[in-house]
Amino acid sequence: MDVDIIISNLTQLQLMSRRGNRLTPDQQLTVTRLRKETPAPVLAHFDGILARDRKAVAEVRHGVCSGCYLRLPTSLINGNGGLLTTCETCGAYLSFEHEESRADMAMASA
């Protein structure tokens, strides 16, 4: 399964988990579908982080994890290579979407 799809699914699940039991029937079906589409080991790690009331998916902004607010090693930021990556400090799955779009904009303006 594509890493971008996994991160997108986990992000949606994280948002819906904040609503608790206040999900509509359609949203409950979406949660069920997303959980079925997510690989079991990834889902287990995700659920474990949420159970500790922490962010399970964190955006990377300016090289900083938005889950623990610590700077990530440059090798991790530059060496992502389309792999599912977790923060070495807080364990959150890292979303590099914003980081990549900034790099694309910088290259386009050069």
PDB file of N, CA and C in Angstrom:
ATOM      1  N   MET A   1       0.851  -1.179   0.000  1.00  0.00           N
ATOM      2  CA  MET A   1       0.000   0.000   0.000  1.00  0.00           C
ATOM      3  C   MET A   1       0.895   1.241   0.000  1.00  0.00           C
ATOM      4  N   ASP A   2       0.481   2.260  -0.699  1.00  0.00           N
ATOM      5  CA  ASP A   2       1.227   3.505  -0.827  1.00  0.00           C
ATOM      6  C   ASP A   2       1.306   4.235   0.513  1.00  0.00           C
ATOM      7  N   VAL A   3       2.491   4.727   0.851  1.00  0.00           N
ATOM      8  CA  VAL A   3       2.713   5.419   2.119  1.00  0.00           C
ATOM      9  C   VAL A   3       1.821   6.643   2.250  1.00  0.00           C
ATOM     10  N   ASP A   4       1.647   7.400   1.184  1.00  0.00           N
ATOM     11  CA  ASP A   4       0.799   8.591   1.246  1.00  0.00           C
ATOM     12  C   ASP A   4      -0.640   8.229   1.598  1.00  0.00           C
ATOM     13  N   ILE A   5      -1.117   7.114   1.081  1.00  0.00           N
ATOM     14  CA  ILE A   5      -2.479   6.664   1.383  1.00  0.00           C
ATOM     15  C   ILE A   5      -2.577   6.239   2.853  1.00  0.00           C
ATOM     16  N   ILE A   6      -1.557   5.525   3.340  1.00  0.00           N
ATOM     17  CA  ILE A   6      -1.557   5.100   4.744  1.00  0.00           C
ATOM     18  C   ILE A   6      -1.581   6.313   5.660  1.00  0.00           C
ATOM     19  N   ILE A   7      -0.724   7.294   5.390  1.00  0.00           N
ATOM     20  CA  ILE A   7      -0.667   8.500   6.222  1.00  0.00           C
ATOM     21  C   ILE A   7      -2.003   9.244   6.160  1.00  0.00           C
ATOM     22  N   SER A   8      -2.591   9.345   4.968  1.00  0.00           N
ATOM     23  CA  SER A   8      -3.882  10.008   4.821  1.00  0.00           C
ATOM     24  C   SER A   8      -4.956   9.284   5.630  1.00  0.00           C
ATOM     25  N   ASN A   9      -4.989   7.964   5.541  1.00  0.00           N
ATOM     26  CA  ASN A   9      -5.964   7.172   6.298  1.00  0.00           C
ATOM     27  C   ASN A   9      -5.777   7.349   7.798  1.00  0.00           C
ATOM     28  N   LEU A  10      -4.512   7.301   8.251  1.00  0.00           N
ATOM     29  CA  LEU A  10      -4.237   7.455   9.675  1.00  0.00           C
ATOM     30  C   LEU A  10      -4.602   8.854  10.164  1.00  0.00           C
ATOM     31  N   THR A  11      -4.373   9.849   9.332  1.00  0.00           N
ATOM     32  CA  THR A  11      -4.732  11.223   9.695  1.00  0.00           C
ATOM     33  C   THR A  11      -6.240  11.346   9.876  1.00  0.00           C
ATOM     34  N   GLN A  12      -6.999  10.748   8.948  1.00  0.00           N
ATOM     35  CA  GLN A  12      -8.461  10.768   9.070  1.00  0.00           C
ATOM     36  C   GLN A  12      -8.918  10.036  10.325  1.00  0.00           C
ATOM     37  N   LEU A  13      -8.305   8.875  10.594  1.00  0.00           N
ATOM     38  CA  LEU A  13      -8.666   8.121  11.796  1.00  0.00           C
ATOM     39  C   LEU A  13      -8.350   8.921  13.061  1.00  0.00           C
ATOM     40  N   GLN A  14      -7.224   9.625  13.053  1.00  0.00           N
ATOM     41  CA  GLN A  14      -6.842  10.436  14.208  1.00  0.00           C
ATOM     42  C   GLN A  14      -7.866  11.544  14.457  1.00  0.00           C
ATOM     43  N   LEU A  15      -8.291  12.196  13.379  1.00  0.00           N
ATOM     44  CA  LEU A  15      -9.299  13.254  13.518  1.00  0.00           C
ATOM     45  C   LEU A  15     -10.616  12.705  14.048  1.00  0.00           C
ATOM     46  N   MET A  16     -11.016  11.568  13.526  1.00  0.00           N
ATOM     47  CA  MET A  16     -12.288  10.983  13.956  1.00  0.00           C
ATOM     48  C   MET A  16     -12.215  10.445  15.377  1.00  0.00           C
ATOM     49  N   SER A  17     -11.034  10.013  15.796  1.00  0.00           N
ATOM     50  CA  SER A  17     -10.906   9.481  17.164  1.00  0.00           C
ATOM     51  C   SER A  17     -11.115  10.579  18.196  1.00  0.00           C
ATOM     52  N   ARG A  18     -10.845  11.810  17.826  1.00  0.00           N
ATOM     53  CA  ARG A  18     -11.056  12.934  18.740  1.00  0.00           C
ATOM     54  C   ARG A  18     -12.535  13.189  18.995  1.00  0.00           C
ATOM     55  N   ARG A  19     -13.370  12.723  18.092  1.00  0.00           N
ATOM     56  CA  ARG A  19     -14.818  12.920  18.257  1.00  0.00           C
ATOM     57  C   ARG A  19     -15.419  11.869  19.175  1.00  0.00           C
ATOM     58  N   GLY A  20     -14.670  10.824  19.472  1.00  0.00           N
ATOM     59  CA  GLY A  20     -15.142   9.783  20.391  1.00  0.00           C
ATOM     60  C   GLY A  20     -16.382   9.094  19.885  1.00  0.00           C
ATOM     61  N   ASN A  21     -17.398   9.035  20.719  1.00  0.00           N
ATOM     62  CA  ASN A  21     -18.653   8.344  20.382  1.00  0.00           C
ATOM     63  C   ASN A  21     -19.626   9.223  19.619  1.00  0.00           C
ATOM     64  N   ARG A  22     -19.210  10.418  19.237  1.00  0.00           N
ATOM     65  CA  ARG A  22     -20.119  11.340  18.551  1.00  0.00           C
ATOM     66  C   ARG A  22     -20.016  11.217  17.030  1.00  0.00           C
ATOM     67  N   LEU A  23     -19.706  10.058  16.524  1.00  0.00           N
ATOM     68  CA  LEU A  23     -19.606   9.853  15.087  1.00  0.00           C
ATOM     69  C   LEU A  23     -20.966   9.487  14.509  1.00  0.00           C
ATOM     70  N   THR A  24     -21.231  10.012  13.322  1.00  0.00           N
ATOM     71  CA  THR A  24     -22.453   9.642  12.617  1.00  0.00           C
ATOM     72  C   THR A  24     -22.291   8.205  12.105  1.00  0.00           C
ATOM     73  N   PRO A  25     -23.380   7.558  11.721  1.00  0.00           N
ATOM     74  CA  PRO A  25     -23.254   6.215  11.153  1.00  0.00           C
ATOM     75  C   PRO A  25     -22.330   6.175   9.922  1.00  0.00           C
ATOM     76  N   ASP A  26     -22.382   7.205   9.072  1.00  0.00           N
ATOM     77  CA  ASP A  26     -21.494   7.251   7.907  1.00  0.00           C
ATOM     78  C   ASP A  26     -20.036   7.350   8.330  1.00  0.00           C
ATOM     79  N   GLN A  27     -19.772   8.150   9.350  1.00  0.00           N
ATOM     80  CA  GLN A  27     -18.402   8.290   9.846  1.00  0.00           C
ATOM     81  C   GLN A  27     -17.917   6.983  10.476  1.00  0.00           C
ATOM     82  N   GLN A  28     -18.803   6.276  11.152  1.00  0.00           N
ATOM     83  CA  GLN A  28     -18.437   4.986  11.739  1.00  0.00           C
ATOM     84  C   GLN A  28     -18.074   3.980  10.644  1.00  0.00           C
ATOM     85  N   LEU A  29     -18.823   4.012   9.538  1.00  0.00           N
ATOM     86  CA  LEU A  29     -18.498   3.145   8.404  1.00  0.00           C
ATOM     87  C   LEU A  29     -17.143   3.518   7.804  1.00  0.00           C
ATOM     88  N   THR A  30     -16.867   4.814   7.733  1.00  0.00           N
ATOM     89  CA  THR A  30     -15.581   5.279   7.216  1.00  0.00           C
ATOM     90  C   THR A  30     -14.444   4.791   8.110  1.00  0.00           C
ATOM     91  N   VAL A  31     -14.623   4.886   9.413  1.00  0.00           N
ATOM     92  CA  VAL A  31     -13.607   4.410  10.356  1.00  0.00           C
ATOM     93  C   VAL A  31     -13.360   2.921  10.140  1.00  0.00           C
ATOM     94  N   THR A  32     -14.418   2.150  10.010  1.00  0.00           N
ATOM     95  CA  THR A  32     -14.292   0.709   9.791  1.00  0.00           C
ATOM     96  C   THR A  32     -13.538   0.422   8.502  1.00  0.00           C
ATOM     97  N   ARG A  33     -13.881   1.132   7.429  1.00  0.00           N
ATOM     98  CA  ARG A  33     -13.212   0.932   6.137  1.00  0.00           C
ATOM     99  C   ARG A  33     -11.731   1.286   6.231  1.00  0.00           C
ATOM    100  N   LEU A  34     -11.421   2.446   6.833  1.00  0.00           N
ATOM    101  CA  LEU A  34     -10.027   2.882   6.933  1.00  0.00           C
ATOM    102  C   LEU A  34      -9.203   1.909   7.773  1.00  0.00           C
ATOM    103  N   ARG A  35      -9.784   1.394   8.833  1.00  0.00           N
ATOM    104  CA  ARG A  35      -9.063   0.435   9.676  1.00  0.00           C
ATOM    105  C   ARG A  35      -8.793  -0.862   8.928  1.00  0.00           C
ATOM    106  N   LYS A  36      -9.736  -1.291   8.085  1.00  0.00           N
ATOM    107  CA  LYS A  36      -9.536  -2.510   7.293  1.00  0.00           C
ATOM    108  C   LYS A  36      -8.451  -2.321   6.235  1.00  0.00           C
ATOM    109  N   GLU A  37      -8.328  -1.087   5.704  1.00  0.00           N
ATOM    110  CA  GLU A  37      -7.356  -0.801   4.650  1.00  0.00           C
ATOM    111  C   GLU A  37      -5.937  -0.598   5.184  1.00  0.00           C
ATOM    112  N   THR A  38      -5.798  -0.425   6.487  1.00  0.00           N
ATOM    113  CA  THR A  38      -4.508  -0.134   7.085  1.00  0.00           C
ATOM    114  C   THR A  38      -3.841  -1.428   7.546  1.00  0.00           C
ATOM    115  N   PRO A  39      -2.554  -1.612   7.212  1.00  0.00           N
ATOM    116  CA  PRO A  39      -1.857  -2.830   7.650  1.00  0.00           C
ATOM    117  C   PRO A  39      -1.906  -2.985   9.181  1.00  0.00           C
ATOM    118  N   ALA A  40      -2.096  -4.212   9.641  1.00  0.00           N
ATOM    119  CA  ALA A  40      -2.277  -4.498  11.071  1.00  0.00           C
ATOM    120  C   ALA A  40      -1.131  -3.977  11.954  1.00  0.00           C
ATOM    121  N   PRO A  41       0.149  -4.160  11.583  1.00  0.00           N
ATOM    122  CA  PRO A  41       1.209  -3.650  12.458  1.00  0.00           C
ATOM    123  C   PRO A  41       1.186  -2.120  12.581  1.00  0.00           C
ATOM    124  N   VAL A  42       0.853  -1.451  11.491  1.00  0.00           N
ATOM    125  CA  VAL A  42       0.774   0.012  11.499  1.00  0.00           C
ATOM    126  C   VAL A  42      -0.378   0.444  12.399  1.00  0.00           C
ATOM    127  N   LEU A  43      -1.499  -0.214  12.271  1.00  0.00           N
ATOM    128  CA  LEU A  43      -2.679   0.110  13.076  1.00  0.00           C
ATOM    129  C   LEU A  43      -2.416  -0.134  14.561  1.00  0.00           C
ATOM    130  N   ALA A  44      -1.703  -1.211  14.887  1.00  0.00           N
ATOM    131  CA  ALA A  44      -1.390  -1.507  16.285  1.00  0.00           C
ATOM    132  C   ALA A  44      -0.518  -0.410  16.892  1.00  0.00           C
ATOM    133  N   HIS A  45       0.486   0.046  16.149  1.00  0.00           N
ATOM    134  CA  HIS A  45       1.355   1.136  16.618  1.00  0.00           C
ATOM    135  C   HIS A  45       0.545   2.418  16.783  1.00  0.00           C
ATOM    136  N   PHE A  46      -0.279   2.720  15.799  1.00  0.00           N
ATOM    137  CA  PHE A  46      -1.150   3.902  15.813  1.00  0.00           C
ATOM    138  C   PHE A  46      -2.064   3.887  17.043  1.00  0.00           C
ATOM    139  N   ASP A  47      -2.740   2.765  17.273  1.00  0.00           N
ATOM    140  CA  ASP A  47      -3.662   2.642  18.405  1.00  0.00           C
ATOM    141  C   ASP A  47      -2.930   2.779  19.739  1.00  0.00           C
ATOM    142  N   GLY A  48      -1.721   2.241  19.806  1.00  0.00           N
ATOM    143  CA  GLY A  48      -0.940   2.338  21.033  1.00  0.00           C
ATOM    144  C   GLY A  48      -0.599   3.777  21.386  1.00  0.00           C
ATOM    145  N   ILE A  49      -0.259   4.569  20.380  1.00  0.00           N
ATOM    146  CA  ILE A  49       0.061   5.982  20.624  1.00  0.00           C
ATOM    147  C   ILE A  49      -1.199   6.740  21.041  1.00  0.00           C
ATOM    148  N   LEU A  50      -2.306   6.503  20.328  1.00  0.00           N
ATOM    149  CA  LEU A  50      -3.566   7.175  20.699  1.00  0.00           C
ATOM    150  C   LEU A  50      -4.007   6.807  22.111  1.00  0.00           C
ATOM    151  N   ALA A  51      -3.761   5.566  22.519  1.00  0.00           N
ATOM    152  CA  ALA A  51      -4.150   5.122  23.856  1.00  0.00           C
ATOM    153  C   ALA A  51      -3.407   5.902  24.940  1.00  0.00           C
ATOM    154  N   ARG A  52      -2.230   6.420  24.597  1.00  0.00           N
ATOM    155  CA  ARG A  52      -1.454   7.236  25.546  1.00  0.00           C
ATOM    156  C   ARG A  52      -1.815   8.717  25.410  1.00  0.00           C
ATOM    157  N   ASP A  53      -2.903   8.983  24.657  1.00  0.00           N
ATOM    158  CA  ASP A  53      -3.412  10.342  24.465  1.00  0.00           C
ATOM    159  C   ASP A  53      -2.377  11.272  23.841  1.00  0.00           C
ATOM    160  N   ARG A  54      -1.682  10.739  22.810  1.00  0.00           N
ATOM    161  CA  ARG A  54      -0.685  11.529  22.087  1.00  0.00           C
ATOM    162  C   ARG A  54      -1.021  11.509  20.607  1.00  0.00           C
ATOM    163  N   LYS A  55      -0.396  12.416  19.861  1.00  0.00           N
ATOM    164  CA  LYS A  55      -0.574  12.446  18.411  1.00  0.00           C
ATOM    165  C   LYS A  55       0.050  11.200  17.804  1.00  0.00           C
ATOM    166  N   ALA A  56      -0.712  10.506  16.976  1.00  0.00           N
ATOM    167  CA  ALA A  56      -0.196   9.314  16.316  1.00  0.00           C
ATOM    168  C   ALA A  56       0.353   9.642  14.930  1.00  0.00           C
ATOM    169  N   VAL A  57      -0.111  10.742  14.339  1.00  0.00           N
ATOM    170  CA  VAL A  57       0.401  11.234  13.062  1.00  0.00           C
ATOM    171  C   VAL A  57       0.783  12.689  13.273  1.00  0.00           C
ATOM    172  N   ALA A  58       2.029  13.016  12.982  1.00  0.00           N
ATOM    173  CA  ALA A  58       2.526  14.370  13.213  1.00  0.00           C
ATOM    174  C   ALA A  58       3.108  14.932  11.920  1.00  0.00           C
ATOM    175  N   GLU A  59       2.752  16.169  11.621  1.00  0.00           N
ATOM    176  CA  GLU A  59       3.315  16.840  10.450  1.00  0.00           C
ATOM    177  C   GLU A  59       4.735  17.296  10.770  1.00  0.00           C
ATOM    178  N   VAL A  60       5.565  17.285   9.745  1.00  0.00           N
ATOM    179  CA  VAL A  60       6.915  17.820   9.884  1.00  0.00           C
ATOM    180  C   VAL A  60       6.888  19.229   9.320  1.00  0.00           C
ATOM    181  N   ARG A  61       7.262  20.184  10.165  1.00  0.00           N
ATOM    182  CA  ARG A  61       7.287  21.588   9.749  1.00  0.00           C
ATOM    183  C   ARG A  61       8.656  22.153  10.064  1.00  0.00           C
ATOM    184  N   HIS A  62       9.341  22.637   9.049  1.00  0.00           N
ATOM    185  CA  HIS A  62      10.683  23.216   9.214  1.00  0.00           C
ATOM    186  C   HIS A  62      11.619  22.243   9.922  1.00  0.00           C
ATOM    187  N   GLY A  63      11.473  20.954   9.636  1.00  0.00           N
ATOM    188  CA  GLY A  63      12.338  19.947  10.221  1.00  0.00           C
ATOM    189  C   GLY A  63      11.999  19.567  11.650  1.00  0.00           C
ATOM    190  N   VAL A  64      10.817  19.996  12.136  1.00  0.00           N
ATOM    191  CA  VAL A  64      10.412  19.736  13.512  1.00  0.00           C
ATOM    192  C   VAL A  64       9.156  18.864  13.515  1.00  0.00           C
ATOM    193  N   CYS A  65       9.150  17.857  14.369  1.00  0.00           N
ATOM    194  CA  CYS A  65       7.987  16.985  14.536  1.00  0.00           C
ATOM    195  C   CYS A  65       6.917  17.749  15.307  1.00  0.00           C
ATOM    196  N   SER A  66       5.698  17.797  14.782  1.00  0.00           N
ATOM    197  CA  SER A  66       4.620  18.510  15.473  1.00  0.00           C
ATOM    198  C   SER A  66       4.006  17.677  16.598  1.00  0.00           C
ATOM    199  N   GLY A  67       4.510  16.474  16.803  1.00  0.00           N
ATOM    200  CA  GLY A  67       4.038  15.652  17.910  1.00  0.00           C
ATOM    201  C   GLY A  67       4.789  15.940  19.197  1.00  0.00           C
ATOM    202  N   CYS A  68       6.111  16.104  19.097  1.00  0.00           N
ATOM    203  CA  CYS A  68       6.933  16.341  20.290  1.00  0.00           C
ATOM    204  C   CYS A  68       7.695  17.668  20.222  1.00  0.00           C
ATOM    205  N   TYR A  69       7.621  18.329  19.083  1.00  0.00           N
ATOM    206  CA  TYR A  69       8.251  19.642  18.861  1.00  0.00           C
ATOM    207  C   TYR A  69       9.772  19.614  18.976  1.00  0.00           C
ATOM    208  N   LEU A  70      10.360  18.468  18.655  1.00  0.00           N
ATOM    209  CA  LEU A  70      11.810  18.371  18.628  1.00  0.00           C
ATOM    210  C   LEU A  70      12.282  18.296  17.186  1.00  0.00           C
ATOM    211  N   ARG A  71      13.462  18.850  16.943  1.00  0.00           N
ATOM    212  CA  ARG A  71      14.044  18.848  15.598  1.00  0.00           C
ATOM    213  C   ARG A  71      14.414  17.419  15.215  1.00  0.00           C
ATOM    214  N   LEU A  72      14.064  17.062  13.993  1.00  0.00           N
ATOM    215  CA  LEU A  72      14.380  15.731  13.490  1.00  0.00           C
ATOM    216  C   LEU A  72      15.782  15.732  12.890  1.00  0.00           C
ATOM    217  N   PRO A  73      16.459  14.597  12.937  1.00  0.00           N
ATOM    218  CA  PRO A  73      17.774  14.520  12.297  1.00  0.00           C
ATOM    219  C   PRO A  73      17.644  14.792  10.803  1.00  0.00           C
ATOM    220  N   THR A  74      18.609  15.509  10.253  1.00  0.00           N
ATOM    221  CA  THR A  74      18.589  15.842   8.827  1.00  0.00           C
ATOM    222  C   THR A  74      18.515  14.584   7.972  1.00  0.00           C
ATOM    223  N   SER A  75      19.191  13.529   8.400  1.00  0.00           N
ATOM    224  CA  SER A  75      19.179  12.280   7.633  1.00  0.00           C
ATOM    225  C   SER A  75      17.766  11.704   7.535  1.00  0.00           C
ATOM    226  N   LEU A  76      16.965  11.899   8.562  1.00  0.00           N
ATOM    227  CA  LEU A  76      15.587  11.407   8.542  1.00  0.00           C
ATOM    228  C   LEU A  76      14.733  12.240   7.594  1.00  0.00           C
ATOM    229  N   ILE A  77      14.912  13.549   7.632  1.00  0.00           N
ATOM    230  CA  ILE A  77      14.125  14.443   6.784  1.00  0.00           C
ATOM    231  C   ILE A  77      14.484  14.242   5.319  1.00  0.00           C
ATOM    232  N   ASN A  78      15.771  14.199   5.025  1.00  0.00           N
ATOM    233  CA  ASN A  78      16.223  14.069   3.638  1.00  0.00           C
ATOM    234  C   ASN A  78      16.144  12.644   3.119  1.00  0.00           C
ATOM    235  N   GLY A  79      16.199  11.680   4.013  1.00  0.00           N
ATOM    236  CA  GLY A  79      16.251  10.293   3.581  1.00  0.00           C
ATOM    237  C   GLY A  79      14.943   9.552   3.658  1.00  0.00           C
ATOM    238  N   ASN A  80      13.817  10.247   3.731  1.00  0.00           N
ATOM    239  CA  ASN A  80      12.507   9.609   3.850  1.00  0.00           C
ATOM    240  C   ASN A  80      12.270   8.643   2.698  1.00  0.00           C
ATOM    241  N   GLY A  81      12.505   9.071   1.488  1.00  0.00           N
ATOM    242  CA  GLY A  81      12.415   8.207   0.316  1.00  0.00           C
ATOM    243  C   GLY A  81      11.110   7.462   0.146  1.00  0.00           C
ATOM    244  N   GLY A  82      10.005   8.035   0.587  1.00  0.00           N
ATOM    245  CA  GLY A  82       8.712   7.391   0.393  1.00  0.00           C
ATOM    246  C   GLY A  82       8.440   6.252   1.352  1.00  0.00           C
ATOM    247  N   LEU A  83       9.209   6.169   2.436  1.00  0.00           N
ATOM    248  CA  LEU A  83       8.998   5.118   3.419  1.00  0.00           C
ATOM    249  C   LEU A  83       8.136   5.629   4.568  1.00  0.00           C
ATOM    250  N   LEU A  84       7.394   4.731   5.176  1.00  0.00           N
ATOM    251  CA  LEU A  84       6.611   5.071   6.351  1.00  0.00           C
ATOM    252  C   LEU A  84       7.605   5.289   7.484  1.00  0.00           C
ATOM    253  N   THR A  85       7.602   6.492   8.040  1.00  0.00           N
ATOM    254  CA  THR A  85       8.624   6.887   9.010  1.00  0.00           C
ATOM    255  C   THR A  85       7.988   7.323  10.314  1.00  0.00           C
ATOM    256  N   THR A  86       8.643   6.975  11.424  1.00  0.00           N
ATOM    257  CA  THR A  86       8.179   7.423  12.734  1.00  0.00           C
ATOM    258  C   THR A  86       9.221   8.327  13.366  1.00  0.00           C
ATOM    259  N   CYS A  87       8.759   9.207  14.227  1.00  0.00           N
ATOM    260  CA  CYS A  87       9.650  10.090  14.971  1.00  0.00           C
ATOM    261  C   CYS A  87      10.431   9.240  15.973  1.00  0.00           C
ATOM    262  N   GLU A  88      11.740   9.453  16.033  1.00  0.00           N
ATOM    263  CA  GLU A  88      12.577   8.692  16.953  1.00  0.00           C
ATOM    264  C   GLU A  88      12.295   9.036  18.414  1.00  0.00           C
ATOM    265  N   THR A  89      11.687  10.196  18.657  1.00  0.00           N
ATOM    266  CA  THR A  89      11.436  10.635  20.026  1.00  0.00           C
ATOM    267  C   THR A  89      10.046  10.238  20.523  1.00  0.00           C
ATOM    268  N   CYS A  90       8.998  10.625  19.783  1.00  0.00           N
ATOM    269  CA  CYS A  90       7.632  10.387  20.274  1.00  0.00           C
ATOM    270  C   CYS A  90       6.951   9.182  19.622  1.00  0.00           C
ATOM    271  N   GLY A  91       7.509   8.661  18.533  1.00  0.00           N
ATOM    272  CA  GLY A  91       6.947   7.482  17.882  1.00  0.00           C
ATOM    273  C   GLY A  91       5.832   7.751  16.897  1.00  0.00           C
ATOM    274  N   ALA A  92       5.439   9.017  16.735  1.00  0.00           N
ATOM    275  CA  ALA A  92       4.351   9.347  15.801  1.00  0.00           C
ATOM    276  C   ALA A  92       4.775   9.073  14.361  1.00  0.00           C
ATOM    277  N   TYR A  93       3.817   8.663  13.549  1.00  0.00           N
ATOM    278  CA  TYR A  93       4.077   8.552  12.117  1.00  0.00           C
ATOM    279  C   TYR A  93       4.251   9.960  11.576  1.00  0.00           C
ATOM    280  N   LEU A  94       5.244  10.148  10.736  1.00  0.00           N
ATOM    281  CA  LEU A  94       5.563  11.487  10.238  1.00  0.00           C
ATOM    282  C   LEU A  94       4.932  11.745   8.883  1.00  0.00           C
ATOM    283  N   SER A  95       4.299  12.899   8.770  1.00  0.00           N
ATOM    284  CA  SER A  95       3.719  13.362   7.511  1.00  0.00           C
ATOM    285  C   SER A  95       4.613  14.466   6.974  1.00  0.00           C
ATOM    286  N   PHE A  96       5.251  14.207   5.844  1.00  0.00           N
ATOM    287  CA  PHE A  96       6.196  15.152   5.252  1.00  0.00           C
ATOM    288  C   PHE A  96       5.533  16.036   4.208  1.00  0.00           C
ATOM    289  N   GLU A  97       4.217  16.006   4.094  1.00  0.00           N
ATOM    290  CA  GLU A  97       3.493  16.717   3.038  1.00  0.00           C
ATOM    291  C   GLU A  97       3.850  18.203   2.982  1.00  0.00           C
ATOM    292  N   HIS A  98       3.777  18.900   4.086  1.00  0.00           N
ATOM    293  CA  HIS A  98       4.065  20.338   4.098  1.00  0.00           C
ATOM    294  C   HIS A  98       5.541  20.608   3.832  1.00  0.00           C
ATOM    295  N   GLU A  99       6.397  19.754   4.347  1.00  0.00           N
ATOM    296  CA  GLU A  99       7.836  19.907   4.174  1.00  0.00           C
ATOM    297  C   GLU A  99       8.194  19.790   2.689  1.00  0.00           C
ATOM    298  N   GLU A 100       7.590  18.821   1.995  1.00  0.00           N
ATOM    299  CA  GLU A 100       7.875  18.611   0.582  1.00  0.00           C
ATOM    300  C   GLU A 100       7.350  19.759  -0.266  1.00  0.00           C
ATOM    301  N   SER A 101       6.168  20.273   0.067  1.00  0.00           N
ATOM    302  CA  SER A 101       5.606  21.353  -0.743  1.00  0.00           C
ATOM    303  C   SER A 101       6.458  22.615  -0.616  1.00  0.00           C
ATOM    304  N   ARG A 102       7.043  22.858   0.559  1.00  0.00           N
ATOM    305  CA  ARG A 102       7.924  24.019   0.729  1.00  0.00           C
ATOM    306  C   ARG A 102       9.198  23.842  -0.095  1.00  0.00           C
ATOM    307  N   ALA A 103       9.727  22.613  -0.109  1.00  0.00           N
ATOM    308  CA  ALA A 103      10.926  22.357  -0.889  1.00  0.00           C
ATOM    309  C   ALA A 103      10.647  22.520  -2.385  1.00  0.00           C
ATOM    310  N   ASP A 104       9.471  22.076  -2.828  1.00  0.00           N
ATOM    311  CA  ASP A 104       9.095  22.243  -4.241  1.00  0.00           C
ATOM    312  C   ASP A 104       8.984  23.714  -4.594  1.00  0.00           C
ATOM    313  N   MET A 105       8.388  24.522  -3.703  1.00  0.00           N
ATOM    314  CA  MET A 105       8.232  25.951  -3.970  1.00  0.00           C
ATOM    315  C   MET A 105       9.586  26.629  -4.031  1.00  0.00           C
ATOM    316  N   ALA A 106      10.511  26.226  -3.154  1.00  0.00           N
ATOM    317  CA  ALA A 106      11.848  26.837  -3.150  1.00  0.00           C
ATOM    318  C   ALA A 106      12.565  26.511  -4.449  1.00  0.00           C
ATOM    319  N   MET A 107      12.437  25.298  -4.941  1.00  0.00           N
ATOM    320  CA  MET A 107      13.095  24.909  -6.188  1.00  0.00           C
ATOM    321  C   MET A 107      12.472  25.626  -7.366  1.00  0.00           C
ATOM    322  N   ALA A 108      11.172  25.847  -7.343  1.00  0.00           N
ATOM    323  CA  ALA A 108      10.491  26.524  -8.452  1.00  0.00           C
ATOM    324  C   ALA A 108      10.873  27.986  -8.536  1.00  0.00           C
ATOM    325  N   SER A 109      11.135  28.608  -7.388  1.00  0.00           N
ATOM    326  CA  SER A 109      11.468  30.033  -7.409  1.00  0.00           C
ATOM    327  C   SER A 109      12.945  30.271  -7.722  1.00  0.00           C
ATOM    328  N   ALA A 110      13.759  29.232  -7.687  1.00  0.00           N
ATOM    329  CA  ALA A 110      15.203  29.392  -7.952  1.00  0.00           C
ATOM    330  C   ALA A 110      15.512  29.518  -9.425  1.00  0.00           C
TER     331      ALA A 110
END
